[in-house]
Every structure is written in C-alpha cells, then in structure tokens.
C-alpha atoms as a PDB file:
ATOM      1  CA  MET A   1     -50.232  12.257  48.010  1.00  0.00           C
ATOM      2  CA  PRO A   2     -49.115  13.162  51.452  1.00  0.00           C
ATOM      3  CA  THR A   3     -48.771  16.745  52.464  1.00  0.00           C
ATOM      4  CA  VAL A   4     -45.225  17.965  52.612  1.00  0.00           C
ATOM      5  CA  GLU A   5     -44.297  19.299  56.023  1.00  0.00           C
ATOM      6  CA  GLY A   6     -40.556  18.890  55.578  1.00  0.00           C
ATOM      7  CA  PHE A   7     -38.215  16.144  54.520  1.00  0.00           C
ATOM      8  CA  THR A   8     -39.603  13.092  56.227  1.00  0.00           C
ATOM      9  CA  PRO A   9     -39.088   9.395  55.485  1.00  0.00           C
ATOM     10  CA  ASP A  10     -42.570   9.207  53.927  1.00  0.00           C
ATOM     11  CA  VAL A  11     -41.680  11.980  51.485  1.00  0.00           C
ATOM     12  CA  LEU A  12     -38.362  10.253  50.687  1.00  0.00           C
ATOM     13  CA  TRP A  13     -40.101   6.940  49.994  1.00  0.00           C
ATOM     14  CA  THR A  14     -42.760   8.623  47.868  1.00  0.00           C
ATOM     15  CA  THR A  15     -40.051  10.373  45.857  1.00  0.00           C
ATOM     16  CA  ILE A  16     -38.139   7.130  45.360  1.00  0.00           C
ATOM     17  CA  TYR A  17     -41.348   5.370  44.265  1.00  0.00           C
ATOM     18  CA  GLY A  18     -42.080   8.215  41.862  1.00  0.00           C
ATOM     19  CA  VAL A  19     -38.600   8.103  40.330  1.00  0.00           C
ATOM     20  CA  VAL A  20     -38.731   4.300  39.980  1.00  0.00           C
ATOM     21  CA  ALA A  21     -42.232   4.522  38.462  1.00  0.00           C
ATOM     22  CA  ILE A  22     -41.096   7.171  35.957  1.00  0.00           C
ATOM     23  CA  GLY A  23     -38.026   5.029  35.099  1.00  0.00           C
ATOM     24  CA  LEU A  24     -40.216   1.965  34.583  1.00  0.00           C
ATOM     25  CA  LEU A  25     -42.609   3.947  32.410  1.00  0.00           C
ATOM     26  CA  PHE A  26     -39.680   5.225  30.341  1.00  0.00           C
ATOM     27  CA  LEU A  27     -38.271   1.696  30.018  1.00  0.00           C
ATOM     28  CA  ILE A  28     -41.639   0.249  29.026  1.00  0.00           C
ATOM     29  CA  GLY A  29     -42.165   3.058  26.529  1.00  0.00           C
ATOM     30  CA  TYR A  30     -38.714   2.500  25.000  1.00  0.00           C
ATOM     31  CA  ARG A  31     -39.287  -1.270  24.698  1.00  0.00           C
ATOM     32  CA  VAL A  32     -42.682  -0.692  23.041  1.00  0.00           C
ATOM     33  CA  TYR A  33     -41.125   1.832  20.644  1.00  0.00           C
ATOM     34  CA  ASP A  34     -38.264  -0.586  19.840  1.00  0.00           C
ATOM     35  CA  ALA A  35     -40.681  -3.480  19.231  1.00  0.00           C
ATOM     36  CA  ILE A  36     -42.868  -1.363  16.945  1.00  0.00           C
ATOM     37  CA  HIS A  37     -39.811  -0.062  15.086  1.00  0.00           C
ATOM     38  CA  THR A  38     -38.508  -3.626  14.609  1.00  0.00           C
ATOM     39  CA  ILE A  39     -41.885  -4.814  13.294  1.00  0.00           C
ATOM     40  CA  ILE A  40     -42.063  -1.893  10.859  1.00  0.00           C
ATOM     41  CA  GLN A  41     -38.475  -2.523   9.673  1.00  0.00           C
ATOM     42  CA  ARG A  42     -39.207  -6.234   9.102  1.00  0.00           C
ATOM     43  CA  ARG A  43     -42.319  -5.376   7.092  1.00  0.00           C
ATOM     44  CA  ARG A  44     -40.344  -2.857   5.051  1.00  0.00           C
ATOM     45  CA  ASP A  45     -37.588  -5.421   4.394  1.00  0.00           C
ATOM     46  CA  ARG A  46     -40.156  -8.085   3.465  1.00  0.00           C
ATOM     47  CA  ASN A  47     -41.905  -5.712   1.062  1.00  0.00           C
ATOM     48  CA  GLU A  48     -38.600  -4.711  -0.466  1.00  0.00           C
ATOM     49  CA  ALA A  49     -37.584  -8.356  -0.844  1.00  0.00           C
ATOM     50  CA  GLN A  50     -40.797  -9.042  -2.758  1.00  0.00           C
ATOM     51  CA  LYS A  51     -40.039  -6.398  -5.363  1.00  0.00           C
ATOM     52  CA  PRO A  52     -39.099  -7.837  -8.764  1.00  0.00           C
ATOM     53  CA  ASP A  53     -35.755  -6.014  -8.972  1.00  0.00           C
ATOM     54  CA  PHE A  54     -34.599  -6.955  -5.455  1.00  0.00           C
ATOM     55  CA  ALA A  55     -32.481  -9.867  -6.678  1.00  0.00           C
ATOM     56  CA  GLU A  56     -30.892  -7.589  -9.271  1.00  0.00           C
ATOM     57  CA  GLN A  57     -30.052  -5.005  -6.616  1.00  0.00           C
ATOM     58  CA  VAL A  58     -28.501  -7.616  -4.349  1.00  0.00           C
ATOM     59  CA  SER A  59     -26.482  -9.108  -7.196  1.00  0.00           C
ATOM     60  CA  GLN A  60     -25.272  -5.630  -8.212  1.00  0.00           C
ATOM     61  CA  LYS A  61     -24.093  -4.948  -4.657  1.00  0.00           C
ATOM     62  CA  VAL A  62     -22.286  -8.285  -4.562  1.00  0.00           C
ATOM     63  CA  ILE A  63     -20.655  -7.615  -7.928  1.00  0.00           C
ATOM     64  CA  GLU A  64     -19.576  -4.151  -6.796  1.00  0.00           C
ATOM     65  CA  LYS A  65     -17.929  -5.633  -3.719  1.00  0.00           C
ATOM     66  CA  LEU A  66     -16.271  -8.472  -5.641  1.00  0.00           C
ATOM     67  CA  GLU A  67     -15.166  -6.483  -8.695  1.00  0.00           C
ATOM     68  CA  PRO A  68     -11.894  -5.188  -7.145  1.00  0.00           C
ATOM     69  CA  ARG A  69     -11.026  -8.720  -6.017  1.00  0.00           C
ATOM     70  CA  PHE A  70     -11.732 -10.070  -9.507  1.00  0.00           C
ATOM     71  CA  LYS A  71      -9.487  -7.424 -11.045  1.00  0.00           C
ATOM     72  CA  GLU A  72      -6.684  -8.333  -8.639  1.00  0.00           C
ATOM     73  CA  ILE A  73      -7.133 -12.031  -9.421  1.00  0.00           C
ATOM     74  CA  GLU A  74      -7.103 -11.332 -13.176  1.00  0.00           C
ATOM     75  CA  LYS A  75      -3.921  -9.279 -12.787  1.00  0.00           C
ATOM     76  CA  ASN A  76      -2.243 -12.069 -10.813  1.00  0.00           C
ATOM     77  CA  LEU A  77      -3.355 -14.688 -13.339  1.00  0.00           C
ATOM     78  CA  GLY A  78      -1.915 -12.607 -16.173  1.00  0.00           C
ATOM     79  CA  ARG A  79       1.384 -12.293 -14.357  1.00  0.00           C
ATOM     80  CA  ASP A  80       1.443 -16.024 -13.594  1.00  0.00           C
ATOM     81  CA  LYS A  81       0.708 -16.862 -17.245  1.00  0.00           C
ATOM     82  CA  GLN A  82       3.575 -14.653 -18.330  1.00  0.00           C
ATOM     83  CA  ARG A  83       5.899 -16.418 -15.894  1.00  0.00           C
ATOM     84  CA  LEU A  84       4.777 -19.841 -17.105  1.00  0.00           C
ATOM     85  CA  ASP A  85       5.304 -18.814 -20.729  1.00  0.00           C
ATOM     86  CA  ASN A  86       8.816 -17.615 -19.866  1.00  0.00           C
ATOM     87  CA  HIS A  87       9.577 -20.900 -18.096  1.00  0.00           C
ATOM     88  CA  GLU A  88       8.257 -22.933 -21.025  1.00  0.00           C
ATOM     89  CA  ARG A  89      10.424 -20.917 -23.401  1.00  0.00           C
ATOM     90  CA  LEU A  90      13.475 -21.497 -21.187  1.00  0.00           C
ATOM     91  CA  ILE A  91      12.757 -25.230 -20.994  1.00  0.00           C
ATOM     92  CA  SER A  92      12.329 -25.401 -24.774  1.00  0.00           C
ATOM     93  CA  ASP A  93      15.622 -23.527 -25.290  1.00  0.00           C
ATOM     94  CA  THR A  94      17.347 -25.858 -22.824  1.00  0.00           C
ATOM     95  CA  ALA A  95      15.988 -28.921 -24.650  1.00  0.00           C
ATOM     96  CA  LYS A  96      17.281 -27.549 -27.969  1.00  0.00           C
ATOM     97  CA  GLY A  97      20.653 -26.881 -26.351  1.00  0.00           C
ATOM     98  CA  GLN A  98      20.786 -30.437 -25.038  1.00  0.00           C
ATOM     99  CA  GLU A  99      19.987 -31.795 -28.501  1.00  0.00           C
ATOM    100  CA  ASN A 100      22.783 -29.699 -29.973  1.00  0.00           C
ATOM    101  CA  LEU A 101      25.224 -30.918 -27.307  1.00  0.00           C
ATOM    102  CA  HIS A 102      24.170 -34.509 -27.922  1.00  0.00           C
ATOM    103  CA  ALA A 103      24.715 -34.161 -31.665  1.00  0.00           C
ATOM    104  CA  GLY A 104      28.123 -32.595 -31.025  1.00  0.00           C
ATOM    105  CA  LEU A 105      29.147 -35.379 -28.645  1.00  0.00           C
ATOM    106  CA  VAL A 106      28.048 -38.007 -31.170  1.00  0.00           C
ATOM    107  CA  ALA A 107      30.194 -36.342 -33.851  1.00  0.00           C
ATOM    108  CA  ILE A 108      33.203 -36.146 -31.491  1.00  0.00           C
ATOM    109  CA  CYS A 109      32.803 -39.809 -30.521  1.00  0.00           C
ATOM    110  CA  LYS A 110      32.619 -40.843 -34.184  1.00  0.00           C
ATOM    111  CA  PHE A 111      35.696 -38.789 -34.963  1.00  0.00           C
ATOM    112  CA  LEU A 112      37.611 -40.294 -32.045  1.00  0.00           C
ATOM    113  CA  LEU A 113      36.547 -43.798 -33.084  1.00  0.00           C
ATOM    114  CA  VAL A 114      37.699 -43.249 -36.671  1.00  0.00           C
ATOM    115  CA  LEU A 115      40.912 -41.615 -35.520  1.00  0.00           C
ATOM    116  CA  SER A 116      41.738 -44.392 -33.089  1.00  0.00           C
ATOM    117  CA  THR A 117      40.866 -47.118 -35.590  1.00  0.00           C
ATOM    118  CA  TYR A 118      42.419 -45.792 -38.804  1.00  0.00           C
ATOM    119  CA  GLY A 119      44.886 -43.236 -37.552  1.00  0.00           C
ATOM    120  CA  ASN A 120      48.551 -44.068 -37.364  1.00  0.00           C
ATOM    121  CA  LEU A 121      48.847 -43.571 -33.632  1.00  0.00           C
ATOM    122  CA  GLY A 122      51.020 -46.584 -33.099  1.00  0.00           C
ATOM    123  CA  ASP A 123      50.606 -49.746 -31.104  1.00  0.00           C
ATOM    124  CA  ASN A 124      50.259 -48.067 -27.746  1.00  0.00           C
ATOM    125  CA  ASP A 125      48.278 -49.965 -25.067  1.00  0.00           C
ATOM    126  CA  LYS A 126      46.632 -46.796 -23.829  1.00  0.00           C
ATOM    127  CA  ILE A 127      45.272 -46.035 -27.297  1.00  0.00           C
ATOM    128  CA  LYS A 128      43.897 -49.581 -27.605  1.00  0.00           C
ATOM    129  CA  GLU A 129      42.352 -49.323 -24.127  1.00  0.00           C
ATOM    130  CA  GLY A 130      40.746 -45.960 -24.929  1.00  0.00           C
ATOM    131  CA  ASN A 131      39.434 -47.312 -28.234  1.00  0.00           C
ATOM    132  CA  THR A 132      37.930 -50.320 -26.424  1.00  0.00           C
ATOM    133  CA  GLU A 133      36.310 -48.114 -23.762  1.00  0.00           C
ATOM    134  CA  LEU A 134      34.882 -45.804 -26.431  1.00  0.00           C
ATOM    135  CA  MET A 135      33.443 -48.787 -28.342  1.00  0.00           C
ATOM    136  CA  LYS A 136      31.889 -50.165 -25.135  1.00  0.00           C
ATOM    137  CA  TYR A 137      30.334 -46.790 -24.330  1.00  0.00           C
ATOM    138  CA  LEU A 138      28.928 -46.394 -27.837  1.00  0.00           C
ATOM    139  CA  ALA A 139      27.621 -49.961 -27.808  1.00  0.00           C
ATOM    140  CA  GLN A 140      25.794 -49.266 -24.528  1.00  0.00           C
ATOM    141  CA  GLN A 141      24.214 -46.138 -25.973  1.00  0.00           C
ATOM    142  CA  ILE A 142      22.652 -47.979 -28.895  1.00  0.00           C
END
C-alpha cells in the first residue's frame, strides 16, 4: 500500500479499487450463500417428498383449498335442482290444465253438434253452415 501524503490520484485509485474489491467479495459471498441455501432447500424438499405421508399432506392441502368451492357448487346445485323441480311441477300442472280444457272443448263441441242437429232452431242457412263447419272440424280432429 502506498503511503498517504494527502489526497492524490494514486490514493483515489487505490480507494476505488478497494471499494470495488470489497463489493465483488460481498457479491461473490452472497451468490455462494444463495447457491448453498438453494441446494439445502432442494435436499430438504426432496427428503420431505420421500416421506410416506407427503402425498396425504398435499392432498389435504388441496382439499382444504377446494372445500369452500365444493360447498358453493353444492349450494348452487341444490338451488338449481329446486328450480328444475318447480318448473317440472308447473309444466305438469299446465299439461293437466290443457287436458281439462281439451275435455271441456270436446263436450262443448258434442253439445253444439247435438243441439244443431236435433234442436228446433229452424231452417236457417247460418245454422246449417255452422253445423257443417263444426262437423268438418270434428272430422279433421279424428
């Protein structure tokens, strides 16, 4: 090391070299520490993965994370099933209502046919025309 007789360019360069050397040593030391730490962590993970209950631990963690989602899905499925059951009930009630209306219309048509055929409504052309139309309609339905 040179003797210090003041602040000369040689002293400045020596100081800069010293600071850079210390920085490089620190950087090299940190990289070595990081590499060793990574190797140790990998060994620890490998050893832990070889334990017999590792798969059970992983599956438990997965189940714990998925359990709230499963509960939400189950709740939504229950609500959807209830909606579908309500819709099926409404469709069934509508079908029964349509059957009742059909039976009522059949009875009304029969009554009108009997009334127009055997009733004393006179010899009106409109009555004959209506009777003919009703017979055509009923014949088409059979």
